[in-house]
Amino acid sequence: MDVYTVLVAPLITEKSTLASEVGNQVVFRVHPQANKVSIKNAVEALFDVKVKQVRTIQYIGKHRRVGRSQGRKAAWKKAYVTLRDGDRIDFFEGA
């Protein structure tokens, strides 16, 4: 899997901001078939940092209903990436 397809997008929420301030972690939305090793390699290659630990979470798509029609939201995967001390990834520089 290509390093550009492993990482889908960074997740910027209150919980991920707190994790970055307290635990030096960055949260990404990743490809559902990506494993921890490929996530680690992608982050190290794209952002030029050293990764200490990767934790992943699978989210199962929920059933949704609009009127008579039913559907299902897509399943997705989230990764908490812990960086080495001294390394940092800033998504909003100068803001």
PDB file of N, CA and C in Angstrom:
ATOM      1  N   MET A   1       0.845  -1.177   0.000  1.00  0.00           N
ATOM      2  CA  MET A   1       0.000   0.000   0.000  1.00  0.00           C
ATOM      3  C   MET A   1       0.892   1.243   0.000  1.00  0.00           C
ATOM      4  N   ASP A   2       0.540   2.229  -0.781  1.00  0.00           N
ATOM      5  CA  ASP A   2       1.298   3.464  -0.923  1.00  0.00           C
ATOM      6  C   ASP A   2       1.162   4.319   0.333  1.00  0.00           C
ATOM      7  N   VAL A   3       2.201   5.090   0.677  1.00  0.00           N
ATOM      8  CA  VAL A   3       2.151   5.912   1.895  1.00  0.00           C
ATOM      9  C   VAL A   3       1.096   7.004   1.792  1.00  0.00           C
ATOM     10  N   TYR A   4       0.760   7.417   0.577  1.00  0.00           N
ATOM     11  CA  TYR A   4      -0.245   8.457   0.407  1.00  0.00           C
ATOM     12  C   TYR A   4      -1.669   7.925   0.535  1.00  0.00           C
ATOM     13  N   THR A   5      -1.872   6.629   0.376  1.00  0.00           N
ATOM     14  CA  THR A   5      -3.204   6.068   0.537  1.00  0.00           C
ATOM     15  C   THR A   5      -3.450   5.548   1.952  1.00  0.00           C
ATOM     16  N   VAL A   6      -2.385   5.362   2.734  1.00  0.00           N
ATOM     17  CA  VAL A   6      -2.548   4.866   4.108  1.00  0.00           C
ATOM     18  C   VAL A   6      -3.220   5.930   4.974  1.00  0.00           C
ATOM     19  N   LEU A   7      -2.701   7.144   4.943  1.00  0.00           N
ATOM     20  CA  LEU A   7      -3.263   8.233   5.745  1.00  0.00           C
ATOM     21  C   LEU A   7      -4.326   8.956   4.930  1.00  0.00           C
ATOM     22  N   VAL A   8      -5.556   8.954   5.425  1.00  0.00           N
ATOM     23  CA  VAL A   8      -6.647   9.613   4.711  1.00  0.00           C
ATOM     24  C   VAL A   8      -6.691  11.088   5.080  1.00  0.00           C
ATOM     25  N   ALA A   9      -6.722  11.390   6.387  1.00  0.00           N
ATOM     26  CA  ALA A   9      -6.800  12.779   6.834  1.00  0.00           C
ATOM     27  C   ALA A   9      -6.471  12.857   8.318  1.00  0.00           C
ATOM     28  N   PRO A  10      -5.956  13.992   8.767  1.00  0.00           N
ATOM     29  CA  PRO A  10      -5.797  14.165  10.212  1.00  0.00           C
ATOM     30  C   PRO A  10      -7.145  14.483  10.847  1.00  0.00           C
ATOM     31  N   LEU A  11      -7.358  13.996  12.059  1.00  0.00           N
ATOM     32  CA  LEU A  11      -8.592  14.292  12.774  1.00  0.00           C
ATOM     33  C   LEU A  11      -8.312  15.401  13.776  1.00  0.00           C
ATOM     34  N   ILE A  12      -8.995  16.521  13.606  1.00  0.00           N
ATOM     35  CA  ILE A  12      -8.829  17.670  14.497  1.00  0.00           C
ATOM     36  C   ILE A  12     -10.116  17.810  15.302  1.00  0.00           C
ATOM     37  N   THR A  13     -10.098  17.274  16.510  1.00  0.00           N
ATOM     38  CA  THR A  13     -11.237  17.374  17.419  1.00  0.00           C
ATOM     39  C   THR A  13     -10.712  17.844  18.775  1.00  0.00           C
ATOM     40  N   GLU A  14     -11.607  18.058  19.715  1.00  0.00           N
ATOM     41  CA  GLU A  14     -11.179  18.452  21.055  1.00  0.00           C
ATOM     42  C   GLU A  14     -10.361  17.346  21.712  1.00  0.00           C
ATOM     43  N   LYS A  15     -10.782  16.103  21.518  1.00  0.00           N
ATOM     44  CA  LYS A  15     -10.078  14.979  22.116  1.00  0.00           C
ATOM     45  C   LYS A  15      -8.688  14.809  21.504  1.00  0.00           C
ATOM     46  N   SER A  16      -8.563  14.969  20.193  1.00  0.00           N
ATOM     47  CA  SER A  16      -7.252  14.822  19.566  1.00  0.00           C
ATOM     48  C   SER A  16      -6.331  15.991  19.899  1.00  0.00           C
ATOM     49  N   THR A  17      -6.879  17.177  20.076  1.00  0.00           N
ATOM     50  CA  THR A  17      -6.068  18.319  20.484  1.00  0.00           C
ATOM     51  C   THR A  17      -5.526  18.121  21.885  1.00  0.00           C
ATOM     52  N   LEU A  18      -6.353  17.595  22.778  1.00  0.00           N
ATOM     53  CA  LEU A  18      -5.896  17.294  24.130  1.00  0.00           C
ATOM     54  C   LEU A  18      -4.828  16.206  24.115  1.00  0.00           C
ATOM     55  N   ALA A  19      -4.987  15.199  23.274  1.00  0.00           N
ATOM     56  CA  ALA A  19      -3.995  14.128  23.175  1.00  0.00           C
ATOM     57  C   ALA A  19      -2.668  14.653  22.647  1.00  0.00           C
ATOM     58  N   SER A  20      -2.711  15.626  21.751  1.00  0.00           N
ATOM     59  CA  SER A  20      -1.460  16.180  21.224  1.00  0.00           C
ATOM     60  C   SER A  20      -0.756  17.039  22.257  1.00  0.00           C
ATOM     61  N   GLU A  21      -1.516  17.735  23.100  1.00  0.00           N
ATOM     62  CA  GLU A  21      -0.903  18.587  24.116  1.00  0.00           C
ATOM     63  C   GLU A  21      -0.352  17.774  25.283  1.00  0.00           C
ATOM     64  N   VAL A  22      -1.081  16.764  25.715  1.00  0.00           N
ATOM     65  CA  VAL A  22      -0.685  16.002  26.901  1.00  0.00           C
ATOM     66  C   VAL A  22       0.252  14.851  26.561  1.00  0.00           C
ATOM     67  N   GLY A  23      -0.088  14.052  25.562  1.00  0.00           N
ATOM     68  CA  GLY A  23       0.651  12.816  25.310  1.00  0.00           C
ATOM     69  C   GLY A  23       1.531  12.811  24.095  1.00  0.00           C
ATOM     70  N   ASN A  24       1.704  13.975  23.410  1.00  0.00           N
ATOM     71  CA  ASN A  24       2.504  14.056  22.185  1.00  0.00           C
ATOM     72  C   ASN A  24       2.004  13.053  21.153  1.00  0.00           C
ATOM     73  N   GLN A  25       0.675  13.025  20.953  1.00  0.00           N
ATOM     74  CA  GLN A  25       0.051  12.114  20.002  1.00  0.00           C
ATOM     75  C   GLN A  25      -0.622  12.897  18.883  1.00  0.00           C
ATOM     76  N   VAL A  26      -0.705  12.258  17.727  1.00  0.00           N
ATOM     77  CA  VAL A  26      -1.413  12.811  16.579  1.00  0.00           C
ATOM     78  C   VAL A  26      -2.443  11.784  16.150  1.00  0.00           C
ATOM     79  N   VAL A  27      -3.642  12.230  15.767  1.00  0.00           N
ATOM     80  CA  VAL A  27      -4.728  11.324  15.406  1.00  0.00           C
ATOM     81  C   VAL A  27      -5.005  11.452  13.909  1.00  0.00           C
ATOM     82  N   PHE A  28      -5.056  10.313  13.236  1.00  0.00           N
ATOM     83  CA  PHE A  28      -5.312  10.272  11.800  1.00  0.00           C
ATOM     84  C   PHE A  28      -6.480   9.354  11.502  1.00  0.00           C
ATOM     85  N   ARG A  29      -7.218   9.685  10.441  1.00  0.00           N
ATOM     86  CA  ARG A  29      -8.156   8.744   9.843  1.00  0.00           C
ATOM     87  C   ARG A  29      -7.360   7.988   8.793  1.00  0.00           C
ATOM     88  N   VAL A  30      -7.365   6.654   8.863  1.00  0.00           N
ATOM     89  CA  VAL A  30      -6.507   5.846   8.000  1.00  0.00           C
ATOM     90  C   VAL A  30      -7.343   4.894   7.153  1.00  0.00           C
ATOM     91  N   HIS A  31      -6.696   4.295   6.173  1.00  0.00           N
ATOM     92  CA  HIS A  31      -7.341   3.321   5.294  1.00  0.00           C
ATOM     93  C   HIS A  31      -7.754   2.104   6.127  1.00  0.00           C
ATOM     94  N   PRO A  32      -8.933   1.536   5.895  1.00  0.00           N
ATOM     95  CA  PRO A  32      -9.406   0.421   6.728  1.00  0.00           C
ATOM     96  C   PRO A  32      -8.517  -0.825   6.692  1.00  0.00           C
ATOM     97  N   GLN A  33      -7.765  -1.055   5.605  1.00  0.00           N
ATOM     98  CA  GLN A  33      -6.892  -2.217   5.549  1.00  0.00           C
ATOM     99  C   GLN A  33      -5.463  -1.922   6.003  1.00  0.00           C
ATOM    100  N   ALA A  34      -5.195  -0.719   6.462  1.00  0.00           N
ATOM    101  CA  ALA A  34      -3.840  -0.364   6.905  1.00  0.00           C
ATOM    102  C   ALA A  34      -3.549  -0.997   8.260  1.00  0.00           C
ATOM    103  N   ASN A  35      -2.326  -1.503   8.424  1.00  0.00           N
ATOM    104  CA  ASN A  35      -1.933  -2.061   9.710  1.00  0.00           C
ATOM    105  C   ASN A  35      -0.999  -1.083  10.420  1.00  0.00           C
ATOM    106  N   LYS A  36      -0.589  -1.438  11.635  1.00  0.00           N
ATOM    107  CA  LYS A  36       0.199  -0.514  12.447  1.00  0.00           C
ATOM    108  C   LYS A  36       1.567  -0.229  11.838  1.00  0.00           C
ATOM    109  N   VAL A  37       2.173  -1.216  11.217  1.00  0.00           N
ATOM    110  CA  VAL A  37       3.492  -1.029  10.625  1.00  0.00           C
ATOM    111  C   VAL A  37       3.420  -0.086   9.429  1.00  0.00           C
ATOM    112  N   SER A  38       2.408  -0.248   8.584  1.00  0.00           N
ATOM    113  CA  SER A  38       2.275   0.633   7.424  1.00  0.00           C
ATOM    114  C   SER A  38       1.926   2.054   7.845  1.00  0.00           C
ATOM    115  N   ILE A  39       1.145   2.214   8.919  1.00  0.00           N
ATOM    116  CA  ILE A  39       0.829   3.553   9.429  1.00  0.00           C
ATOM    117  C   ILE A  39       2.093   4.215   9.959  1.00  0.00           C
ATOM    118  N   LYS A  40       2.893   3.466  10.700  1.00  0.00           N
ATOM    119  CA  LYS A  40       4.149   3.995  11.236  1.00  0.00           C
ATOM    120  C   LYS A  40       5.079   4.426  10.109  1.00  0.00           C
ATOM    121  N   ASN A  41       5.236   3.594   9.098  1.00  0.00           N
ATOM    122  CA  ASN A  41       6.117   3.927   7.972  1.00  0.00           C
ATOM    123  C   ASN A  41       5.621   5.141   7.202  1.00  0.00           C
ATOM    124  N   ALA A  42       4.309   5.269   7.039  1.00  0.00           N
ATOM    125  CA  ALA A  42       3.749   6.405   6.304  1.00  0.00           C
ATOM    126  C   ALA A  42       3.963   7.709   7.053  1.00  0.00           C
ATOM    127  N   VAL A  43       3.736   7.714   8.368  1.00  0.00           N
ATOM    128  CA  VAL A  43       3.914   8.937   9.156  1.00  0.00           C
ATOM    129  C   VAL A  43       5.383   9.343   9.177  1.00  0.00           C
ATOM    130  N   GLU A  44       6.285   8.384   9.342  1.00  0.00           N
ATOM    131  CA  GLU A  44       7.712   8.701   9.363  1.00  0.00           C
ATOM    132  C   GLU A  44       8.192   9.215   8.008  1.00  0.00           C
ATOM    133  N   ALA A  45       7.658   8.685   6.930  1.00  0.00           N
ATOM    134  CA  ALA A  45       8.087   9.117   5.596  1.00  0.00           C
ATOM    135  C   ALA A  45       7.526  10.485   5.229  1.00  0.00           C
ATOM    136  N   LEU A  46       6.268  10.742   5.563  1.00  0.00           N
ATOM    137  CA  LEU A  46       5.633  11.990   5.138  1.00  0.00           C
ATOM    138  C   LEU A  46       5.983  13.187   6.019  1.00  0.00           C
ATOM    139  N   PHE A  47       6.156  12.974   7.317  1.00  0.00           N
ATOM    140  CA  PHE A  47       6.338  14.101   8.233  1.00  0.00           C
ATOM    141  C   PHE A  47       7.749  14.189   8.821  1.00  0.00           C
ATOM    142  N   ASP A  48       8.637  13.264   8.489  1.00  0.00           N
ATOM    143  CA  ASP A  48      10.022  13.267   8.947  1.00  0.00           C
ATOM    144  C   ASP A  48      10.123  13.320  10.477  1.00  0.00           C
ATOM    145  N   VAL A  49       9.406  12.419  11.138  1.00  0.00           N
ATOM    146  CA  VAL A  49       9.428  12.277  12.595  1.00  0.00           C
ATOM    147  C   VAL A  49       9.639  10.801  12.925  1.00  0.00           C
ATOM    148  N   LYS A  50       9.925  10.516  14.183  1.00  0.00           N
ATOM    149  CA  LYS A  50      10.056   9.134  14.643  1.00  0.00           C
ATOM    150  C   LYS A  50       8.815   8.764  15.450  1.00  0.00           C
ATOM    151  N   VAL A  51       8.245   7.611  15.147  1.00  0.00           N
ATOM    152  CA  VAL A  51       7.025   7.139  15.805  1.00  0.00           C
ATOM    153  C   VAL A  51       7.404   6.166  16.908  1.00  0.00           C
ATOM    154  N   LYS A  52       6.815   6.382  18.072  1.00  0.00           N
ATOM    155  CA  LYS A  52       7.069   5.526  19.225  1.00  0.00           C
ATOM    156  C   LYS A  52       6.062   4.379  19.300  1.00  0.00           C
ATOM    157  N   GLN A  53       4.774   4.697  19.069  1.00  0.00           N
ATOM    158  CA  GLN A  53       3.702   3.702  19.211  1.00  0.00           C
ATOM    159  C   GLN A  53       2.531   4.076  18.320  1.00  0.00           C
ATOM    160  N   VAL A  54       1.803   3.062  17.847  1.00  0.00           N
ATOM    161  CA  VAL A  54       0.587   3.265  17.054  1.00  0.00           C
ATOM    162  C   VAL A  54      -0.525   2.432  17.666  1.00  0.00           C
ATOM    163  N   ARG A  55      -1.658   3.073  17.935  1.00  0.00           N
ATOM    164  CA  ARG A  55      -2.851   2.358  18.401  1.00  0.00           C
ATOM    165  C   ARG A  55      -3.962   2.610  17.400  1.00  0.00           C
ATOM    166  N   THR A  56      -4.705   1.566  17.035  1.00  0.00           N
ATOM    167  CA  THR A  56      -5.754   1.703  16.033  1.00  0.00           C
ATOM    168  C   THR A  56      -7.114   1.343  16.622  1.00  0.00           C
ATOM    169  N   ILE A  57      -8.147   1.952  16.029  1.00  0.00           N
ATOM    170  CA  ILE A  57      -9.525   1.715  16.448  1.00  0.00           C
ATOM    171  C   ILE A  57     -10.373   1.540  15.200  1.00  0.00           C
ATOM    172  N   GLN A  58     -11.175   0.475  15.175  1.00  0.00           N
ATOM    173  CA  GLN A  58     -12.111   0.240  14.081  1.00  0.00           C
ATOM    174  C   GLN A  58     -13.475   0.802  14.460  1.00  0.00           C
ATOM    175  N   TYR A  59     -14.072   1.593  13.570  1.00  0.00           N
ATOM    176  CA  TYR A  59     -15.423   2.082  13.772  1.00  0.00           C
ATOM    177  C   TYR A  59     -16.342   1.387  12.781  1.00  0.00           C
ATOM    178  N   ILE A  60     -17.371   0.742  13.284  1.00  0.00           N
ATOM    179  CA  ILE A  60     -18.325   0.029  12.448  1.00  0.00           C
ATOM    180  C   ILE A  60     -19.392   1.010  11.978  1.00  0.00           C
ATOM    181  N   GLY A  61     -19.758   0.931  10.701  1.00  0.00           N
ATOM    182  CA  GLY A  61     -20.765   1.829  10.156  1.00  0.00           C
ATOM    183  C   GLY A  61     -22.131   1.592  10.778  1.00  0.00           C
ATOM    184  N   LYS A  62     -22.792   2.680  11.143  1.00  0.00           N
ATOM    185  CA  LYS A  62     -24.095   2.577  11.799  1.00  0.00           C
ATOM    186  C   LYS A  62     -25.221   2.571  10.764  1.00  0.00           C
ATOM    187  N   HIS A  63     -26.337   1.960  11.134  1.00  0.00           N
ATOM    188  CA  HIS A  63     -27.522   1.979  10.284  1.00  0.00           C
ATOM    189  C   HIS A  63     -28.190   3.336  10.404  1.00  0.00           C
ATOM    190  N   ARG A  64     -28.575   3.897   9.269  1.00  0.00           N
ATOM    191  CA  ARG A  64     -29.254   5.182   9.240  1.00  0.00           C
ATOM    192  C   ARG A  64     -30.522   5.049   8.420  1.00  0.00           C
ATOM    193  N   ARG A  65     -31.490   5.880   8.738  1.00  0.00           N
ATOM    194  CA  ARG A  65     -32.767   5.822   8.059  1.00  0.00           C
ATOM    195  C   ARG A  65     -33.231   7.239   7.776  1.00  0.00           C
ATOM    196  N   VAL A  66     -33.665   7.482   6.536  1.00  0.00           N
ATOM    197  CA  VAL A  66     -34.236   8.760   6.148  1.00  0.00           C
ATOM    198  C   VAL A  66     -35.567   8.456   5.481  1.00  0.00           C
ATOM    199  N   GLY A  67     -36.635   8.712   6.188  1.00  0.00           N
ATOM    200  CA  GLY A  67     -37.948   8.379   5.661  1.00  0.00           C
ATOM    201  C   GLY A  67     -38.114   6.876   5.559  1.00  0.00           C
ATOM    202  N   ARG A  68     -38.449   6.395   4.359  1.00  0.00           N
ATOM    203  CA  ARG A  68     -38.614   4.963   4.157  1.00  0.00           C
ATOM    204  C   ARG A  68     -37.313   4.258   3.805  1.00  0.00           C
ATOM    205  N   SER A  69     -36.366   5.011   3.281  1.00  0.00           N
ATOM    206  CA  SER A  69     -35.139   4.360   2.811  1.00  0.00           C
ATOM    207  C   SER A  69     -34.157   4.152   3.967  1.00  0.00           C
ATOM    208  N   GLN A  70     -33.514   3.005   3.940  1.00  0.00           N
ATOM    209  CA  GLN A  70     -32.533   2.677   4.961  1.00  0.00           C
ATOM    210  C   GLN A  70     -31.165   2.570   4.302  1.00  0.00           C
ATOM    211  N   GLY A  71     -30.154   2.823   5.095  1.00  0.00           N
ATOM    212  CA  GLY A  71     -28.800   2.716   4.576  1.00  0.00           C
ATOM    213  C   GLY A  71     -27.827   2.453   5.704  1.00  0.00           C
ATOM    214  N   ARG A  72     -26.590   2.497   5.364  1.00  0.00           N
ATOM    215  CA  ARG A  72     -25.552   2.248   6.355  1.00  0.00           C
ATOM    216  C   ARG A  72     -24.395   3.203   6.090  1.00  0.00           C
ATOM    217  N   LYS A  73     -23.896   3.819   7.153  1.00  0.00           N
ATOM    218  CA  LYS A  73     -22.724   4.673   7.029  1.00  0.00           C
ATOM    219  C   LYS A  73     -21.487   3.794   6.861  1.00  0.00           C
ATOM    220  N   ALA A  74     -20.493   4.313   6.228  1.00  0.00           N
ATOM    221  CA  ALA A  74     -19.290   3.538   5.930  1.00  0.00           C
ATOM    222  C   ALA A  74     -18.479   3.283   7.199  1.00  0.00           C
ATOM    223  N   ALA A  75     -17.868   2.119   7.283  1.00  0.00           N
ATOM    224  CA  ALA A  75     -16.960   1.807   8.383  1.00  0.00           C
ATOM    225  C   ALA A  75     -15.630   2.511   8.124  1.00  0.00           C
ATOM    226  N   TRP A  76     -14.943   2.903   9.203  1.00  0.00           N
ATOM    227  CA  TRP A  76     -13.670   3.581   9.045  1.00  0.00           C
ATOM    228  C   TRP A  76     -12.735   3.243  10.194  1.00  0.00           C
ATOM    229  N   LYS A  77     -11.488   3.673  10.073  1.00  0.00           N
ATOM    230  CA  LYS A  77     -10.463   3.319  11.041  1.00  0.00           C
ATOM    231  C   LYS A  77      -9.717   4.579  11.475  1.00  0.00           C
ATOM    232  N   LYS A  78      -9.396   4.621  12.769  1.00  0.00           N
ATOM    233  CA  LYS A  78      -8.691   5.765  13.343  1.00  0.00           C
ATOM    234  C   LYS A  78      -7.411   5.271  13.987  1.00  0.00           C
ATOM    235  N   ALA A  79      -6.348   6.085  13.911  1.00  0.00           N
ATOM    236  CA  ALA A  79      -5.061   5.699  14.479  1.00  0.00           C
ATOM    237  C   ALA A  79      -4.532   6.813  15.372  1.00  0.00           C
ATOM    238  N   TYR A  80      -4.137   6.450  16.601  1.00  0.00           N
ATOM    239  CA  TYR A  80      -3.438   7.351  17.511  1.00  0.00           C
ATOM    240  C   TYR A  80      -1.952   7.062  17.364  1.00  0.00           C
ATOM    241  N   VAL A  81      -1.184   8.040  16.921  1.00  0.00           N
ATOM    242  CA  VAL A  81       0.242   7.878  16.682  1.00  0.00           C
ATOM    243  C   VAL A  81       0.994   8.663  17.752  1.00  0.00           C
ATOM    244  N   THR A  82       1.766   7.960  18.587  1.00  0.00           N
ATOM    245  CA  THR A  82       2.578   8.602  19.612  1.00  0.00           C
ATOM    246  C   THR A  82       3.951   8.878  19.036  1.00  0.00           C
ATOM    247  N   LEU A  83       4.381  10.133  19.154  1.00  0.00           N
ATOM    248  CA  LEU A  83       5.657  10.551  18.607  1.00  0.00           C
ATOM    249  C   LEU A  83       6.747  10.523  19.669  1.00  0.00           C
ATOM    250  N   ARG A  84       7.988  10.423  19.223  1.00  0.00           N
ATOM    251  CA  ARG A  84       9.135  10.460  20.108  1.00  0.00           C
ATOM    252  C   ARG A  84       9.233  11.846  20.753  1.00  0.00           C
ATOM    253  N   ASP A  85       9.819  11.926  21.951  1.00  0.00           N
ATOM    254  CA  ASP A  85       9.995  13.207  22.627  1.00  0.00           C
ATOM    255  C   ASP A  85      10.846  14.134  21.772  1.00  0.00           C
ATOM    256  N   GLY A  86      10.376  15.359  21.617  1.00  0.00           N
ATOM    257  CA  GLY A  86      11.083  16.335  20.792  1.00  0.00           C
ATOM    258  C   GLY A  86      10.522  16.452  19.389  1.00  0.00           C
ATOM    259  N   ASP A  87       9.828  15.436  18.882  1.00  0.00           N
ATOM    260  CA  ASP A  87       9.208  15.497  17.559  1.00  0.00           C
ATOM    261  C   ASP A  87       7.802  16.050  17.680  1.00  0.00           C
ATOM    262  N   ARG A  88       7.368  16.746  16.626  1.00  0.00           N
ATOM    263  CA  ARG A  88       6.061  17.384  16.673  1.00  0.00           C
ATOM    264  C   ARG A  88       5.534  17.553  15.253  1.00  0.00           C
ATOM    265  N   ILE A  89       4.224  17.421  15.083  1.00  0.00           N
ATOM    266  CA  ILE A  89       3.568  17.687  13.805  1.00  0.00           C
ATOM    267  C   ILE A  89       2.549  18.790  14.062  1.00  0.00           C
ATOM    268  N   ASP A  90       2.719  19.934  13.376  1.00  0.00           N
ATOM    269  CA  ASP A  90       1.794  21.054  13.516  1.00  0.00           C
ATOM    270  C   ASP A  90       0.965  21.180  12.247  1.00  0.00           C
ATOM    271  N   PHE A  91      -0.343  21.108  12.386  1.00  0.00           N
ATOM    272  CA  PHE A  91      -1.225  21.247  11.238  1.00  0.00           C
ATOM    273  C   PHE A  91      -1.632  22.700  11.018  1.00  0.00           C
ATOM    274  N   PHE A  92      -1.617  23.507  12.083  1.00  0.00           N
ATOM    275  CA  PHE A  92      -1.983  24.923  11.987  1.00  0.00           C
ATOM    276  C   PHE A  92      -0.804  25.765  12.456  1.00  0.00           C
ATOM    277  N   GLU A  93       0.150  25.974  11.587  1.00  0.00           N
ATOM    278  CA  GLU A  93       1.302  26.789  11.943  1.00  0.00           C
ATOM    279  C   GLU A  93       0.974  28.253  11.739  1.00  0.00           C
ATOM    280  N   GLY A  94       1.364  29.089  12.684  1.00  0.00           N
ATOM    281  CA  GLY A  94       1.160  30.517  12.571  1.00  0.00           C
ATOM    282  C   GLY A  94      -0.250  30.978  12.856  1.00  0.00           C
ATOM    283  N   ALA A  95      -1.113  30.101  13.311  1.00  0.00           N
ATOM    284  CA  ALA A  95      -2.507  30.488  13.579  1.00  0.00           C
ATOM    285  C   ALA A  95      -2.679  30.855  15.023  1.00  0.00           C
TER     286      ALA A  95
END
